[in-house]
Amino acid sequence: MDTLLLQTPAQLPLYLKALRKRRGLTQSQVASRLGIRQARYAFRETHPETVSTRQILDVFAALGVDILLRLRSTPKAAQSREDW
């Protein structure tokens, strides 16, 4: 699991949990790195759509994850707002 392709909002909670487990971290440990309570981190992990971009970037940093953006060779049709 060195590379994950995030294409839909529904994937993000699954990826956050998988990345945390891959690092051998508990929710409490990640929360401690972020300076928040475990319950708040648990909510962020399961409902990342409710947090700011800054907060989600902080979660990725706490998990030791780099984010790489790349252009597709051929653009897909724009996703509907309901997907987000």
Protein backbone atom coordinates (compact mmCIF):
# COMPACT_ATOMS: atom_id res chain seq x y z
CA MET A 1 0.00 0.00 0.00
CA ASP A 2 2.61 2.53 -1.03
CA THR A 3 0.27 4.33 -3.41
CA LEU A 4 -3.46 4.89 -3.11
CA LEU A 5 -5.58 6.53 -5.77
CA LEU A 6 -8.29 8.67 -4.20
CA GLN A 7 -11.11 9.17 -6.68
CA THR A 8 -14.27 9.45 -4.59
CA PRO A 9 -15.14 10.99 -1.22
CA ALA A 10 -16.36 7.58 -0.01
CA GLN A 11 -12.81 6.24 -0.23
CA LEU A 12 -11.30 8.78 2.15
CA PRO A 13 -12.55 7.32 5.47
CA LEU A 14 -11.41 3.85 4.38
CA TYR A 15 -8.00 5.15 3.37
CA LEU A 16 -7.50 7.13 6.57
CA LYS A 17 -8.16 4.04 8.67
CA ALA A 18 -5.98 1.84 6.47
CA LEU A 19 -3.10 4.34 6.55
CA ARG A 20 -3.32 4.66 10.33
CA LYS A 21 -3.27 0.89 10.76
CA ARG A 22 -0.41 0.56 8.27
CA ARG A 23 1.60 2.90 10.51
CA GLY A 24 0.66 0.77 13.54
CA LEU A 25 -1.07 3.71 15.21
CA THR A 26 -4.18 3.84 17.34
CA GLN A 27 -6.71 6.62 17.05
CA SER A 28 -5.47 7.88 20.42
CA GLN A 29 -1.90 8.11 19.14
CA VAL A 30 -2.91 10.07 16.05
CA ALA A 31 -5.12 12.31 18.17
CA SER A 32 -2.17 12.99 20.47
CA ARG A 33 -0.04 14.00 17.49
CA LEU A 34 -2.80 16.40 16.45
CA GLY A 35 -3.35 17.76 19.95
CA ILE A 36 -6.99 16.67 20.04
CA ARG A 37 -9.03 14.04 21.90
CA GLN A 38 -9.44 10.53 20.53
CA ALA A 39 -13.19 11.01 20.05
CA ARG A 40 -12.59 14.06 17.87
CA TYR A 41 -10.05 12.20 15.77
CA ALA A 42 -12.41 9.23 15.42
CA PHE A 43 -15.03 11.59 14.03
CA ARG A 44 -12.53 13.11 11.59
CA GLU A 45 -11.48 9.66 10.42
CA THR A 46 -15.04 8.51 9.78
CA HIS A 47 -16.44 11.84 8.57
CA PRO A 48 -13.57 13.68 6.84
CA GLU A 49 -16.06 15.71 4.80
CA THR A 50 -16.89 17.68 7.95
CA VAL A 51 -13.39 19.04 8.53
CA SER A 52 -11.45 21.80 6.82
CA THR A 53 -8.81 21.21 4.21
CA ARG A 54 -6.21 22.31 6.75
CA GLN A 55 -7.43 19.73 9.26
CA ILE A 56 -7.36 16.90 6.73
CA LEU A 57 -3.86 17.93 5.65
CA ASP A 58 -2.84 17.86 9.33
CA VAL A 59 -4.22 14.32 9.59
CA PHE A 60 -2.19 13.23 6.57
CA ALA A 61 0.91 14.84 8.10
CA ALA A 62 0.29 13.04 11.42
CA LEU A 63 0.06 9.78 9.49
CA GLY A 64 3.29 10.52 7.62
CA VAL A 65 1.54 10.65 4.26
CA ASP A 66 2.56 12.79 1.29
CA ILE A 67 -0.08 14.01 -1.13
CA LEU A 68 0.72 13.98 -4.82
CA LEU A 69 -1.60 15.59 -7.36
CA ARG A 70 -1.25 14.66 -11.00
CA LEU A 71 -3.17 15.43 -14.14
CA ARG A 72 -5.10 12.64 -15.79
CA SER A 73 -4.20 11.88 -19.37
CA THR A 74 -7.85 12.38 -20.31
CA PRO A 75 -10.16 14.30 -17.98
CA LYS A 76 -13.21 12.46 -16.67
CA ALA A 77 -16.56 14.19 -16.59
CA ALA A 78 -16.98 16.36 -13.51
CA GLN A 79 -18.50 14.51 -10.59
CA SER A 80 -21.80 15.69 -9.32
CA ARG A 81 -21.88 17.78 -6.16
CA GLU A 82 -23.78 14.96 -4.46
CA ASP A 83 -20.62 12.81 -4.61
CA TRP A 84 -18.92 15.29 -2.32
